[in-house]
Amino acid sequence: MATTYSTILRQVGVLSGSLRGEQIEGVETSYIVNPITKAEIAIKSPFAYTQLLDAILNAEAQLSAAIASTANHEWRQILGDVTAALTYGQLIPSTGSGGNQIIGMRGAVRDSSTFEPCTENQLEQIRDRVLNPNGMWKIPVYWYAINDRRIYHTVDSVIIDVCTYARPSALSLSLSTTIALPEVLAPAYVDGALMELDDKFSRFGGVFTAWVQAIKQGNTSVNTATTVIQSEAA
């Protein structure tokens, strides 16, 4: 079953509600409500409904940034997009072809027609190939260079594989929507949101940081049990 934002909100809302010392019967009643309502959040959590959603979405944004900043991470495809076709010397755009903000590291540069990958090279070499004095160069090459946000290349136009992210608005978020990132990150959504909400949840900060570090190392899992023990011992 897909993990929805409602599932994450339910966990964050009820866990944060422990600050009020809610009885176990009340916790169970709250926990099985799906989707959890604003009225339930008002009763069970010391934080506002929209504040909880913002904290969840902030955690998602940080996880997305970690994925996008890690070359060759298998989750990059989830955030994947390409730029528009770029001609010689054109500025690299700040948004992908879908209109969302580009984040993290750039991926492969490819010929926009054949999709052949291009190899990074020195700008002088590329300029020489493009000018091709006296027609001395006969064999085509697929080279590119980036200089001060402009891309130069030896083909007609290129596209760049990128990651993009558009943070949803807490005010318009549909709780029935499946979370944007893999389900394995559901605990990280919860940990990151709790970390932001209150210093009393500081141990969750260590768990969330462990997730971010694991992603940046190219991993898709983390030993949260060890991290919790270390956080509580600190």
C-alpha atoms as a PDB file:
ATOM      1  CA  MET A   1       0.000   0.000   0.000  1.00  0.00           C
ATOM      2  CA  ALA A   2       1.382   3.386  -1.009  1.00  0.00           C
ATOM      3  CA  THR A   3       2.510   5.765   1.720  1.00  0.00           C
ATOM      4  CA  THR A   4       0.542   8.993   1.539  1.00  0.00           C
ATOM      5  CA  TYR A   5       1.104  12.389   3.114  1.00  0.00           C
ATOM      6  CA  SER A   6      -1.823  11.541   5.384  1.00  0.00           C
ATOM      7  CA  THR A   7       0.157   8.594   6.772  1.00  0.00           C
ATOM      8  CA  ILE A   8       3.151  10.833   7.502  1.00  0.00           C
ATOM      9  CA  LEU A   9       0.978  13.550   9.040  1.00  0.00           C
ATOM     10  CA  ARG A  10      -0.749  10.992  11.238  1.00  0.00           C
ATOM     11  CA  GLN A  11       2.573   9.765  12.622  1.00  0.00           C
ATOM     12  CA  VAL A  12       4.021  13.244  13.139  1.00  0.00           C
ATOM     13  CA  GLY A  13       0.806  14.566  14.681  1.00  0.00           C
ATOM     14  CA  VAL A  14       0.347  11.720  17.151  1.00  0.00           C
ATOM     15  CA  LEU A  15       4.030  11.505  18.086  1.00  0.00           C
ATOM     16  CA  SER A  16       4.227  15.238  18.698  1.00  0.00           C
ATOM     17  CA  GLY A  17       1.068  14.899  20.773  1.00  0.00           C
ATOM     18  CA  SER A  18       2.987  12.850  23.321  1.00  0.00           C
ATOM     19  CA  LEU A  19       4.046  16.210  24.775  1.00  0.00           C
ATOM     20  CA  ARG A  20       0.504  16.485  26.110  1.00  0.00           C
ATOM     21  CA  GLY A  21       0.628  13.111  27.833  1.00  0.00           C
ATOM     22  CA  GLU A  22      -2.305  11.684  25.864  1.00  0.00           C
ATOM     23  CA  GLN A  23      -3.738   8.383  27.155  1.00  0.00           C
ATOM     24  CA  ILE A  24      -3.091   5.271  25.043  1.00  0.00           C
ATOM     25  CA  GLU A  25      -6.787   4.857  24.177  1.00  0.00           C
ATOM     26  CA  GLY A  26      -6.828   8.334  22.732  1.00  0.00           C
ATOM     27  CA  VAL A  27      -3.662   7.709  20.781  1.00  0.00           C
ATOM     28  CA  GLU A  28      -5.124   4.624  19.122  1.00  0.00           C
ATOM     29  CA  THR A  29      -8.321   6.466  18.229  1.00  0.00           C
ATOM     30  CA  SER A  30      -6.286   9.242  16.634  1.00  0.00           C
ATOM     31  CA  TYR A  31      -3.910   6.924  14.881  1.00  0.00           C
ATOM     32  CA  ILE A  32      -6.483   4.936  12.926  1.00  0.00           C
ATOM     33  CA  VAL A  33      -8.204   8.028  11.494  1.00  0.00           C
ATOM     34  CA  ASN A  34      -7.265   8.155   7.805  1.00  0.00           C
ATOM     35  CA  PRO A  35      -6.968  10.743   6.544  1.00  0.00           C
ATOM     36  CA  ILE A  36      -6.353  12.431   9.848  1.00  0.00           C
ATOM     37  CA  THR A  37      -8.407  15.593  10.173  1.00  0.00           C
ATOM     38  CA  LYS A  38      -7.645  19.108  11.316  1.00  0.00           C
ATOM     39  CA  ALA A  39      -9.941  18.498  14.283  1.00  0.00           C
ATOM     40  CA  GLU A  40      -7.930  15.441  15.355  1.00  0.00           C
ATOM     41  CA  ILE A  41      -4.663  17.343  14.979  1.00  0.00           C
ATOM     42  CA  ALA A  42      -6.048  20.194  17.088  1.00  0.00           C
ATOM     43  CA  ILE A  43      -6.830  17.729  19.884  1.00  0.00           C
ATOM     44  CA  LYS A  44      -3.781  15.489  19.694  1.00  0.00           C
ATOM     45  CA  SER A  45      -0.881  17.758  18.723  1.00  0.00           C
ATOM     46  CA  PRO A  46       0.498  20.942  20.298  1.00  0.00           C
ATOM     47  CA  PHE A  47       1.309  22.160  16.786  1.00  0.00           C
ATOM     48  CA  ALA A  48      -0.955  23.653  14.159  1.00  0.00           C
ATOM     49  CA  TYR A  49      -2.138  21.464  11.275  1.00  0.00           C
ATOM     50  CA  THR A  50      -0.449  23.582   8.596  1.00  0.00           C
ATOM     51  CA  GLN A  51       2.715  23.860  10.699  1.00  0.00           C
ATOM     52  CA  LEU A  52       2.971  20.061  10.737  1.00  0.00           C
ATOM     53  CA  LEU A  53       2.513  19.884   6.983  1.00  0.00           C
ATOM     54  CA  ASP A  54       5.161  22.545   6.433  1.00  0.00           C
ATOM     55  CA  ALA A  55       7.615  20.604   8.607  1.00  0.00           C
ATOM     56  CA  ILE A  56       6.913  17.419   6.613  1.00  0.00           C
ATOM     57  CA  LEU A  57       7.393  19.206   3.289  1.00  0.00           C
ATOM     58  CA  ASN A  58      10.591  20.851   4.538  1.00  0.00           C
ATOM     59  CA  ALA A  59      11.929  17.391   5.359  1.00  0.00           C
ATOM     60  CA  GLU A  60      11.000  16.220   1.869  1.00  0.00           C
ATOM     61  CA  ALA A  61      12.798  19.195   0.327  1.00  0.00           C
ATOM     62  CA  GLN A  62      15.980  18.421   2.286  1.00  0.00           C
ATOM     63  CA  LEU A  63      15.877  14.755   1.295  1.00  0.00           C
ATOM     64  CA  SER A  64      15.309  15.730  -2.335  1.00  0.00           C
ATOM     65  CA  ALA A  65      18.310  18.078  -2.188  1.00  0.00           C
ATOM     66  CA  ALA A  66      20.476  15.256  -0.800  1.00  0.00           C
ATOM     67  CA  ILE A  67      19.411  12.938  -3.627  1.00  0.00           C
ATOM     68  CA  ALA A  68      19.940  15.579  -6.302  1.00  0.00           C
ATOM     69  CA  SER A  69      23.413  16.445  -4.992  1.00  0.00           C
ATOM     70  CA  THR A  70      24.607  12.836  -5.226  1.00  0.00           C
ATOM     71  CA  ALA A  71      25.933  11.782  -8.628  1.00  0.00           C
ATOM     72  CA  ASN A  72      24.584   8.477  -9.966  1.00  0.00           C
ATOM     73  CA  HIS A  73      22.230   7.892  -7.025  1.00  0.00           C
ATOM     74  CA  GLU A  74      19.486   5.538  -8.169  1.00  0.00           C
ATOM     75  CA  TRP A  75      16.783   7.853  -6.769  1.00  0.00           C
ATOM     76  CA  ARG A  76      17.816  10.732  -9.027  1.00  0.00           C
ATOM     77  CA  GLN A  77      15.466   9.371 -11.670  1.00  0.00           C
ATOM     78  CA  ILE A  78      12.513  10.152  -9.398  1.00  0.00           C
ATOM     79  CA  LEU A  79      13.402  13.836  -9.606  1.00  0.00           C
ATOM     80  CA  GLY A  80      14.693  13.532 -13.150  1.00  0.00           C
ATOM     81  CA  ASP A  81      14.104  15.985 -15.971  1.00  0.00           C
ATOM     82  CA  VAL A  82      16.100  17.453 -18.854  1.00  0.00           C
ATOM     83  CA  THR A  83      16.787  20.994 -19.931  1.00  0.00           C
ATOM     84  CA  ALA A  84      15.477  22.440 -23.150  1.00  0.00           C
ATOM     85  CA  ALA A  85      17.781  21.957 -26.149  1.00  0.00           C
ATOM     86  CA  LEU A  86      20.755  24.311 -25.731  1.00  0.00           C
ATOM     87  CA  THR A  87      22.738  25.753 -28.612  1.00  0.00           C
ATOM     88  CA  TYR A  88      26.418  26.748 -28.575  1.00  0.00           C
ATOM     89  CA  GLY A  89      27.164  29.329 -25.884  1.00  0.00           C
ATOM     90  CA  GLN A  90      23.644  29.353 -24.462  1.00  0.00           C
ATOM     91  CA  LEU A  91      22.996  29.990 -20.782  1.00  0.00           C
ATOM     92  CA  ILE A  92      22.136  26.871 -18.793  1.00  0.00           C
ATOM     93  CA  PRO A  93      18.600  27.442 -17.513  1.00  0.00           C
ATOM     94  CA  SER A  94      17.593  27.343 -13.859  1.00  0.00           C
ATOM     95  CA  THR A  95      14.493  25.256 -14.603  1.00  0.00           C
ATOM     96  CA  GLY A  96      13.974  21.938 -16.338  1.00  0.00           C
ATOM     97  CA  SER A  97      11.776  21.405 -19.370  1.00  0.00           C
ATOM     98  CA  GLY A  98       8.857  20.754 -17.008  1.00  0.00           C
ATOM     99  CA  GLY A  99       9.248  24.230 -15.487  1.00  0.00           C
ATOM    100  CA  ASN A 100      10.439  23.150 -12.026  1.00  0.00           C
ATOM    101  CA  GLN A 101      13.575  24.465 -10.315  1.00  0.00           C
ATOM    102  CA  ILE A 102      16.783  22.576 -11.064  1.00  0.00           C
ATOM    103  CA  ILE A 103      18.491  21.360  -7.889  1.00  0.00           C
ATOM    104  CA  GLY A 104      21.708  19.526  -7.123  1.00  0.00           C
ATOM    105  CA  MET A 105      24.338  18.284  -9.519  1.00  0.00           C
ATOM    106  CA  ARG A 106      23.966  18.268 -13.269  1.00  0.00           C
ATOM    107  CA  GLY A 107      23.888  14.867 -14.924  1.00  0.00           C
ATOM    108  CA  ALA A 108      24.912  13.744 -18.393  1.00  0.00           C
ATOM    109  CA  VAL A 109      25.129  16.142 -21.325  1.00  0.00           C
ATOM    110  CA  ARG A 110      23.679  14.547 -24.481  1.00  0.00           C
ATOM    111  CA  ASP A 111      23.134  15.396 -28.125  1.00  0.00           C
ATOM    112  CA  SER A 112      19.522  16.566 -28.294  1.00  0.00           C
ATOM    113  CA  SER A 113      18.897  14.714 -31.570  1.00  0.00           C
ATOM    114  CA  THR A 114      20.739  11.421 -31.205  1.00  0.00           C
ATOM    115  CA  PHE A 115      20.954  11.401 -27.374  1.00  0.00           C
ATOM    116  CA  GLU A 116      24.603  10.397 -27.642  1.00  0.00           C
ATOM    117  CA  PRO A 117      26.471  11.334 -24.454  1.00  0.00           C
ATOM    118  CA  CYS A 118      28.986  14.139 -24.730  1.00  0.00           C
ATOM    119  CA  THR A 119      32.364  14.193 -23.024  1.00  0.00           C
ATOM    120  CA  GLU A 120      33.641  17.217 -21.125  1.00  0.00           C
ATOM    121  CA  ASN A 121      36.685  18.795 -22.724  1.00  0.00           C
ATOM    122  CA  GLN A 122      38.693  22.024 -22.744  1.00  0.00           C
ATOM    123  CA  LEU A 123      36.900  25.055 -24.158  1.00  0.00           C
ATOM    124  CA  GLU A 124      39.826  25.776 -26.479  1.00  0.00           C
ATOM    125  CA  GLN A 125      39.527  22.312 -28.004  1.00  0.00           C
ATOM    126  CA  ILE A 126      35.803  22.745 -28.533  1.00  0.00           C
ATOM    127  CA  ARG A 127      36.209  26.187 -30.084  1.00  0.00           C
ATOM    128  CA  ASP A 128      38.830  24.813 -32.455  1.00  0.00           C
ATOM    129  CA  ARG A 129      36.486  22.013 -33.547  1.00  0.00           C
ATOM    130  CA  VAL A 130      33.582  24.387 -34.093  1.00  0.00           C
ATOM    131  CA  LEU A 131      35.669  26.881 -36.109  1.00  0.00           C
ATOM    132  CA  ASN A 132      37.312  23.979 -37.976  1.00  0.00           C
ATOM    133  CA  PRO A 133      39.943  26.045 -39.878  1.00  0.00           C
ATOM    134  CA  ASN A 134      40.405  24.896 -43.486  1.00  0.00           C
ATOM    135  CA  GLY A 135      38.001  22.022 -42.816  1.00  0.00           C
ATOM    136  CA  MET A 136      40.807  20.083 -41.163  1.00  0.00           C
ATOM    137  CA  TRP A 137      38.534  18.123 -38.831  1.00  0.00           C
ATOM    138  CA  LYS A 138      36.579  15.391 -40.641  1.00  0.00           C
ATOM    139  CA  ILE A 139      35.408  13.088 -37.859  1.00  0.00           C
ATOM    140  CA  PRO A 140      32.619  14.422 -35.615  1.00  0.00           C
ATOM    141  CA  VAL A 141      33.170  14.426 -31.857  1.00  0.00           C
ATOM    142  CA  TYR A 142      30.776  14.854 -28.952  1.00  0.00           C
ATOM    143  CA  TRP A 143      32.415  17.339 -26.622  1.00  0.00           C
ATOM    144  CA  TYR A 144      31.205  20.043 -24.295  1.00  0.00           C
ATOM    145  CA  ALA A 145      32.521  22.585 -21.812  1.00  0.00           C
ATOM    146  CA  ILE A 146      30.751  24.749 -19.248  1.00  0.00           C
ATOM    147  CA  ASN A 147      32.066  28.217 -18.561  1.00  0.00           C
ATOM    148  CA  ASP A 148      30.294  30.672 -16.247  1.00  0.00           C
ATOM    149  CA  ARG A 149      26.855  28.994 -16.632  1.00  0.00           C
ATOM    150  CA  ARG A 150      27.140  28.835 -20.423  1.00  0.00           C
ATOM    151  CA  ILE A 151      27.562  25.594 -22.320  1.00  0.00           C
ATOM    152  CA  TYR A 152      29.723  25.175 -25.403  1.00  0.00           C
ATOM    153  CA  HIS A 153      29.685  22.019 -27.510  1.00  0.00           C
ATOM    154  CA  THR A 154      30.535  20.454 -30.853  1.00  0.00           C
ATOM    155  CA  VAL A 155      27.011  19.393 -31.905  1.00  0.00           C
ATOM    156  CA  ASP A 156      23.960  21.358 -33.038  1.00  0.00           C
ATOM    157  CA  SER A 157      22.358  21.371 -29.589  1.00  0.00           C
ATOM    158  CA  VAL A 158      22.480  19.454 -26.316  1.00  0.00           C
ATOM    159  CA  ILE A 159      20.244  18.592 -23.399  1.00  0.00           C
ATOM    160  CA  ILE A 160      21.396  18.141 -19.811  1.00  0.00           C
ATOM    161  CA  ASP A 161      19.990  15.529 -17.453  1.00  0.00           C
ATOM    162  CA  VAL A 162      18.985  17.311 -14.247  1.00  0.00           C
ATOM    163  CA  CYS A 163      16.990  16.882 -11.056  1.00  0.00           C
ATOM    164  CA  THR A 164      14.131  19.253 -10.332  1.00  0.00           C
ATOM    165  CA  TYR A 165      11.873  19.812  -7.356  1.00  0.00           C
ATOM    166  CA  ALA A 166       8.828  21.951  -6.687  1.00  0.00           C
ATOM    167  CA  ARG A 167       7.852  22.056  -3.024  1.00  0.00           C
ATOM    168  CA  PRO A 168       4.084  21.647  -2.676  1.00  0.00           C
ATOM    169  CA  SER A 169       2.122  24.216  -0.708  1.00  0.00           C
ATOM    170  CA  ALA A 170       0.938  23.037   2.683  1.00  0.00           C
ATOM    171  CA  LEU A 171      -2.281  24.943   2.071  1.00  0.00           C
ATOM    172  CA  SER A 172      -3.202  22.996  -1.049  1.00  0.00           C
ATOM    173  CA  LEU A 173      -1.523  19.632  -0.421  1.00  0.00           C
ATOM    174  CA  SER A 174      -3.809  16.636  -1.000  1.00  0.00           C
ATOM    175  CA  LEU A 175      -3.243  14.242   1.890  1.00  0.00           C
ATOM    176  CA  SER A 176      -4.296  11.289  -0.264  1.00  0.00           C
ATOM    177  CA  THR A 177      -1.328  11.899  -2.588  1.00  0.00           C
ATOM    178  CA  THR A 178       1.532   9.406  -2.413  1.00  0.00           C
ATOM    179  CA  ILE A 179       4.737  10.926  -1.039  1.00  0.00           C
ATOM    180  CA  ALA A 180       7.128  12.120  -3.746  1.00  0.00           C
ATOM    181  CA  LEU A 181      10.104  10.018  -2.614  1.00  0.00           C
ATOM    182  CA  PRO A 182      10.480   6.240  -2.074  1.00  0.00           C
ATOM    183  CA  GLU A 183       8.454   4.645   0.721  1.00  0.00           C
ATOM    184  CA  VAL A 184      11.622   3.588   2.525  1.00  0.00           C
ATOM    185  CA  LEU A 185      12.095   7.291   3.328  1.00  0.00           C
ATOM    186  CA  ALA A 186       8.771   7.564   5.177  1.00  0.00           C
ATOM    187  CA  PRO A 187      10.529   7.340   8.580  1.00  0.00           C
ATOM    188  CA  ALA A 188      12.925  10.072   7.431  1.00  0.00           C
ATOM    189  CA  TYR A 189       9.965  12.324   6.605  1.00  0.00           C
ATOM    190  CA  VAL A 190       8.678  11.800  10.159  1.00  0.00           C
ATOM    191  CA  ASP A 191      12.105  12.222  11.785  1.00  0.00           C
ATOM    192  CA  GLY A 192      12.866  15.385   9.832  1.00  0.00           C
ATOM    193  CA  ALA A 193       9.518  16.963  10.649  1.00  0.00           C
ATOM    194  CA  LEU A 194       9.810  16.200  14.367  1.00  0.00           C
ATOM    195  CA  MET A 195      13.374  17.528  14.422  1.00  0.00           C
ATOM    196  CA  GLU A 196      12.154  20.856  13.061  1.00  0.00           C
ATOM    197  CA  LEU A 197       9.161  21.165  15.363  1.00  0.00           C
ATOM    198  CA  ASP A 198      10.742  21.088  18.799  1.00  0.00           C
ATOM    199  CA  ASP A 199      14.127  20.731  20.509  1.00  0.00           C
ATOM    200  CA  LYS A 200      12.521  18.076  22.749  1.00  0.00           C
ATOM    201  CA  PHE A 201      12.626  15.766  19.727  1.00  0.00           C
ATOM    202  CA  SER A 202      16.391  16.213  19.300  1.00  0.00           C
ATOM    203  CA  ARG A 203      17.069  12.496  18.998  1.00  0.00           C
ATOM    204  CA  PHE A 204      15.113  12.482  15.746  1.00  0.00           C
ATOM    205  CA  GLY A 205      17.584  15.025  14.388  1.00  0.00           C
ATOM    206  CA  GLY A 206      20.350  12.441  14.576  1.00  0.00           C
ATOM    207  CA  VAL A 207      18.227   9.896  12.736  1.00  0.00           C
ATOM    208  CA  PHE A 208      17.285  12.362   9.997  1.00  0.00           C
ATOM    209  CA  THR A 209      20.900  13.467   9.581  1.00  0.00           C
ATOM    210  CA  ALA A 210      21.899   9.808   9.248  1.00  0.00           C
ATOM    211  CA  TRP A 211      19.409   9.443   6.401  1.00  0.00           C
ATOM    212  CA  VAL A 212      20.767  12.503   4.610  1.00  0.00           C
ATOM    213  CA  GLN A 213      24.366  11.334   5.023  1.00  0.00           C
ATOM    214  CA  ALA A 214      23.489   7.841   3.818  1.00  0.00           C
ATOM    215  CA  ILE A 215      21.866   9.253   0.688  1.00  0.00           C
ATOM    216  CA  LYS A 216      24.899  11.442  -0.032  1.00  0.00           C
ATOM    217  CA  GLN A 217      27.059   8.324   0.199  1.00  0.00           C
ATOM    218  CA  GLY A 218      24.904   6.683  -2.469  1.00  0.00           C
ATOM    219  CA  ASN A 219      22.974   4.423  -0.093  1.00  0.00           C
ATOM    220  CA  THR A 220      19.244   3.675   0.023  1.00  0.00           C
ATOM    221  CA  SER A 221      18.996   2.568   3.653  1.00  0.00           C
ATOM    222  CA  VAL A 222      20.351   3.440   7.069  1.00  0.00           C
ATOM    223  CA  ASN A 223      20.683   1.658  10.406  1.00  0.00           C
ATOM    224  CA  THR A 224      18.295   3.868  12.343  1.00  0.00           C
ATOM    225  CA  ALA A 225      18.372   1.649  15.442  1.00  0.00           C
ATOM    226  CA  THR A 226      22.085   2.299  15.944  1.00  0.00           C
ATOM    227  CA  THR A 227      21.585   5.997  15.293  1.00  0.00           C
ATOM    228  CA  VAL A 228      18.802   6.257  17.899  1.00  0.00           C
ATOM    229  CA  ILE A 229      20.942   4.503  20.511  1.00  0.00           C
ATOM    230  CA  GLN A 230      23.862   6.834  19.792  1.00  0.00           C
ATOM    231  CA  SER A 231      21.584   9.907  19.925  1.00  0.00           C
ATOM    232  CA  GLU A 232      20.065   8.922  23.240  1.00  0.00           C
ATOM    233  CA  ALA A 233      23.487   8.184  24.719  1.00  0.00           C
ATOM    234  CA  ALA A 234      24.872  11.570  23.676  1.00  0.00           C
END
